[in-house]
N, C-alpha and C. Protein backbone atom coordinates (compact mmCIF):
# COMPACT_ATOMS: atom_id res chain seq x y z
N MET A 1 -14.04 1.20 9.73
CA MET A 1 -14.04 1.83 8.43
C MET A 1 -14.55 0.80 7.41
N GLU A 2 -15.41 1.24 6.54
CA GLU A 2 -15.98 0.37 5.51
C GLU A 2 -14.92 -0.02 4.48
N HIS A 3 -15.07 -1.23 3.93
CA HIS A 3 -14.12 -1.74 2.94
C HIS A 3 -13.93 -0.78 1.76
N GLU A 4 -15.02 -0.22 1.27
CA GLU A 4 -14.94 0.71 0.13
C GLU A 4 -14.09 1.93 0.48
N GLU A 5 -14.21 2.43 1.69
CA GLU A 5 -13.43 3.59 2.12
C GLU A 5 -11.96 3.24 2.24
N ILE A 6 -11.66 2.04 2.75
CA ILE A 6 -10.27 1.58 2.84
C ILE A 6 -9.65 1.52 1.45
N VAL A 7 -10.38 0.94 0.51
CA VAL A 7 -9.88 0.82 -0.86
C VAL A 7 -9.65 2.21 -1.46
N LYS A 8 -10.61 3.11 -1.28
CA LYS A 8 -10.51 4.47 -1.82
C LYS A 8 -9.28 5.19 -1.28
N ARG A 9 -9.10 5.14 0.03
CA ARG A 9 -7.95 5.83 0.64
C ARG A 9 -6.63 5.21 0.20
N ASN A 10 -6.58 3.88 0.10
CA ASN A 10 -5.35 3.23 -0.35
C ASN A 10 -5.04 3.55 -1.80
N LEU A 11 -6.06 3.65 -2.64
CA LEU A 11 -5.83 4.05 -4.03
C LEU A 11 -5.29 5.48 -4.12
N GLU A 12 -5.80 6.36 -3.27
CA GLU A 12 -5.29 7.73 -3.24
C GLU A 12 -3.83 7.75 -2.80
N LEU A 13 -3.49 6.94 -1.80
CA LEU A 13 -2.10 6.86 -1.35
C LEU A 13 -1.20 6.33 -2.46
N MET A 14 -1.64 5.28 -3.13
CA MET A 14 -0.84 4.70 -4.21
C MET A 14 -0.64 5.71 -5.33
N ASN A 15 -1.67 6.47 -5.63
CA ASN A 15 -1.55 7.51 -6.66
C ASN A 15 -0.49 8.54 -6.25
N ASP A 16 -0.54 8.99 -5.00
CA ASP A 16 0.46 9.96 -4.51
C ASP A 16 1.86 9.37 -4.57
N PHE A 17 2.00 8.11 -4.16
CA PHE A 17 3.30 7.46 -4.20
C PHE A 17 3.82 7.37 -5.64
N MET A 18 2.96 6.97 -6.57
CA MET A 18 3.40 6.81 -7.95
C MET A 18 3.81 8.15 -8.56
N GLN A 19 3.15 9.23 -8.20
CA GLN A 19 3.55 10.55 -8.70
C GLN A 19 4.97 10.87 -8.28
N VAL A 20 5.31 10.55 -7.04
CA VAL A 20 6.67 10.80 -6.54
C VAL A 20 7.64 9.81 -7.17
N ALA A 21 7.23 8.55 -7.27
CA ALA A 21 8.11 7.49 -7.78
C ALA A 21 8.47 7.71 -9.25
N PHE A 22 7.57 8.26 -10.04
CA PHE A 22 7.88 8.51 -11.44
C PHE A 22 8.94 9.61 -11.57
N LYS A 23 9.03 10.47 -10.57
CA LYS A 23 10.07 11.50 -10.57
C LYS A 23 11.38 10.97 -10.02
N ASP A 24 11.30 9.94 -9.17
CA ASP A 24 12.48 9.31 -8.58
C ASP A 24 12.35 7.80 -8.74
N VAL A 25 12.74 7.31 -9.91
CA VAL A 25 12.57 5.91 -10.27
C VAL A 25 13.31 4.98 -9.33
N SER A 26 14.31 5.49 -8.62
CA SER A 26 15.06 4.63 -7.69
C SER A 26 14.14 4.05 -6.61
N LEU A 27 13.05 4.73 -6.31
CA LEU A 27 12.09 4.20 -5.34
C LEU A 27 11.48 2.89 -5.86
N LEU A 28 11.10 2.89 -7.12
CA LEU A 28 10.51 1.68 -7.71
C LEU A 28 11.54 0.57 -7.83
N GLU A 29 12.78 0.92 -8.09
CA GLU A 29 13.84 -0.07 -8.24
C GLU A 29 14.13 -0.79 -6.92
N ARG A 30 13.76 -0.19 -5.81
CA ARG A 30 14.01 -0.79 -4.49
C ARG A 30 12.94 -1.82 -4.10
N ILE A 31 11.88 -1.93 -4.89
CA ILE A 31 10.82 -2.88 -4.60
C ILE A 31 11.14 -4.18 -5.32
N PRO A 32 11.39 -5.27 -4.57
CA PRO A 32 11.72 -6.54 -5.21
C PRO A 32 10.56 -7.07 -6.06
N ARG A 33 10.89 -7.73 -7.14
CA ARG A 33 9.87 -8.33 -8.01
C ARG A 33 9.05 -9.33 -7.18
N GLY A 34 7.74 -9.22 -7.28
CA GLY A 34 6.86 -10.13 -6.58
C GLY A 34 6.49 -9.69 -5.16
N ALA A 35 7.13 -8.62 -4.67
CA ALA A 35 6.83 -8.16 -3.31
C ALA A 35 5.48 -7.45 -3.28
N GLN A 36 4.81 -7.54 -2.15
CA GLN A 36 3.59 -6.79 -1.91
C GLN A 36 3.97 -5.43 -1.36
N VAL A 37 3.26 -4.38 -1.76
CA VAL A 37 3.52 -3.03 -1.29
C VAL A 37 2.37 -2.58 -0.40
N VAL A 38 2.72 -2.12 0.79
CA VAL A 38 1.72 -1.60 1.73
C VAL A 38 2.17 -0.21 2.16
N ILE A 39 1.29 0.77 2.01
CA ILE A 39 1.62 2.15 2.38
C ILE A 39 1.03 2.45 3.75
N LEU A 40 1.87 3.01 4.62
CA LEU A 40 1.45 3.42 5.96
C LEU A 40 1.42 4.94 6.01
N PRO A 41 0.23 5.53 5.96
CA PRO A 41 0.14 6.99 5.96
C PRO A 41 0.36 7.56 7.36
N ASP A 42 1.33 8.46 7.47
CA ASP A 42 1.62 9.09 8.77
C ASP A 42 0.49 10.01 9.23
N ASP A 43 -0.32 10.50 8.28
CA ASP A 43 -1.35 11.47 8.62
C ASP A 43 -2.75 10.87 8.74
N ASP A 44 -2.87 9.54 8.71
CA ASP A 44 -4.16 8.88 8.80
C ASP A 44 -4.01 7.66 9.73
N PRO A 45 -4.07 7.89 11.05
CA PRO A 45 -3.83 6.81 12.01
C PRO A 45 -4.75 5.60 11.84
N GLU A 46 -5.99 5.83 11.48
CA GLU A 46 -6.94 4.72 11.34
C GLU A 46 -6.53 3.82 10.17
N LEU A 47 -6.26 4.40 9.01
CA LEU A 47 -5.84 3.62 7.85
C LEU A 47 -4.47 3.01 8.08
N ARG A 48 -3.59 3.72 8.76
CA ARG A 48 -2.26 3.18 9.06
C ARG A 48 -2.39 1.88 9.87
N ALA A 49 -3.25 1.89 10.89
CA ALA A 49 -3.43 0.69 11.72
C ALA A 49 -3.99 -0.47 10.90
N ILE A 50 -4.93 -0.18 10.03
CA ILE A 50 -5.51 -1.22 9.17
C ILE A 50 -4.42 -1.80 8.26
N ASN A 51 -3.63 -0.92 7.65
CA ASN A 51 -2.60 -1.37 6.73
C ASN A 51 -1.46 -2.10 7.44
N GLU A 52 -1.14 -1.69 8.67
CA GLU A 52 -0.13 -2.41 9.45
C GLU A 52 -0.59 -3.85 9.71
N GLY A 53 -1.85 -4.01 10.05
CA GLY A 53 -2.40 -5.34 10.27
C GLY A 53 -2.35 -6.18 9.00
N MET A 54 -2.67 -5.56 7.87
CA MET A 54 -2.63 -6.27 6.60
C MET A 54 -1.20 -6.71 6.28
N ALA A 55 -0.22 -5.83 6.49
CA ALA A 55 1.19 -6.17 6.23
C ALA A 55 1.64 -7.31 7.14
N ALA A 56 1.25 -7.27 8.40
CA ALA A 56 1.63 -8.33 9.34
C ALA A 56 1.07 -9.68 8.90
N ARG A 57 -0.19 -9.69 8.45
CA ARG A 57 -0.80 -10.94 7.99
C ARG A 57 -0.08 -11.47 6.75
N MET A 58 0.32 -10.59 5.86
CA MET A 58 1.05 -11.02 4.66
C MET A 58 2.39 -11.65 5.03
N VAL A 59 3.10 -11.03 5.96
CA VAL A 59 4.39 -11.57 6.40
C VAL A 59 4.19 -12.93 7.06
N GLN A 60 3.14 -13.07 7.87
CA GLN A 60 2.85 -14.36 8.51
C GLN A 60 2.58 -15.46 7.48
N ARG A 61 2.02 -15.07 6.33
CA ARG A 61 1.76 -16.04 5.26
C ARG A 61 3.02 -16.33 4.44
N GLY A 62 4.12 -15.66 4.81
CA GLY A 62 5.38 -15.90 4.11
C GLY A 62 5.62 -15.00 2.91
N GLU A 63 4.80 -13.99 2.75
CA GLU A 63 4.97 -13.08 1.62
C GLU A 63 6.04 -12.04 1.94
N GLN A 64 6.68 -11.55 0.89
CA GLN A 64 7.65 -10.47 1.02
C GLN A 64 6.86 -9.16 0.90
N VAL A 65 7.05 -8.27 1.85
CA VAL A 65 6.27 -7.04 1.91
C VAL A 65 7.20 -5.84 2.00
N VAL A 66 6.95 -4.84 1.16
CA VAL A 66 7.65 -3.57 1.25
C VAL A 66 6.68 -2.60 1.90
N VAL A 67 7.07 -2.06 3.04
CA VAL A 67 6.26 -1.08 3.76
C VAL A 67 6.77 0.31 3.39
N ILE A 68 5.87 1.15 2.96
CA ILE A 68 6.22 2.52 2.59
C ILE A 68 5.53 3.44 3.58
N ARG A 69 6.34 4.17 4.33
CA ARG A 69 5.78 5.17 5.24
C ARG A 69 5.74 6.49 4.49
N MET A 70 4.57 7.11 4.49
CA MET A 70 4.40 8.28 3.65
C MET A 70 3.61 9.35 4.38
N GLU A 71 4.07 10.57 4.21
CA GLU A 71 3.41 11.73 4.78
C GLU A 71 2.70 12.47 3.66
N ARG A 72 1.51 12.92 3.91
CA ARG A 72 0.77 13.71 2.95
C ARG A 72 0.33 15.00 3.63
N PRO A 73 -0.19 15.99 3.03
CA PRO A 73 -0.65 16.12 1.68
C PRO A 73 0.30 16.88 0.77
N ALA A 74 0.98 17.89 1.29
CA ALA A 74 1.74 18.80 0.43
C ALA A 74 2.76 18.07 -0.44
N LYS A 75 3.88 17.73 0.12
CA LYS A 75 4.91 17.02 -0.61
C LYS A 75 5.19 15.73 0.15
N PRO A 76 4.75 14.61 -0.40
CA PRO A 76 4.92 13.35 0.33
C PRO A 76 6.38 13.07 0.67
N ARG A 77 6.60 12.64 1.92
CA ARG A 77 7.93 12.17 2.36
C ARG A 77 7.84 10.67 2.43
N ILE A 78 8.75 9.99 1.76
CA ILE A 78 8.65 8.55 1.65
C ILE A 78 9.85 7.88 2.29
N GLU A 79 9.58 6.85 3.07
CA GLU A 79 10.60 6.00 3.69
C GLU A 79 10.17 4.57 3.45
N MET A 80 11.09 3.72 2.97
CA MET A 80 10.73 2.35 2.63
C MET A 80 11.50 1.35 3.48
N GLU A 81 10.86 0.18 3.70
CA GLU A 81 11.47 -0.89 4.47
C GLU A 81 10.98 -2.22 3.90
N LEU A 82 11.89 -3.17 3.70
CA LEU A 82 11.53 -4.49 3.20
C LEU A 82 11.31 -5.41 4.37
N LEU A 83 10.16 -6.09 4.42
CA LEU A 83 9.84 -7.04 5.47
C LEU A 83 9.74 -8.42 4.83
N SER A 84 10.36 -9.40 5.43
CA SER A 84 10.28 -10.78 4.94
C SER A 84 10.04 -11.72 6.09
N ALA A 85 9.43 -12.84 5.76
CA ALA A 85 9.18 -13.84 6.79
C ALA A 85 10.45 -14.62 7.06
């Protein structure tokens, strides 16, 4: 997948997440300050694999990563997990 397509799809995922998060602010409160956020789309296996690799590399570098598993398109279902090195 081309870099531009990865960025486009991730921006769409972040937009969907933020729409839900603004309705349920507790989701945002669960993200530690300074943590990196990586969304794993349940309905896009190719992007999910790319984002899993990105999250793993961030953890290896010692970064704190919040992984958000999200289902699209109708009503996103969100599950969050904090990963730390």
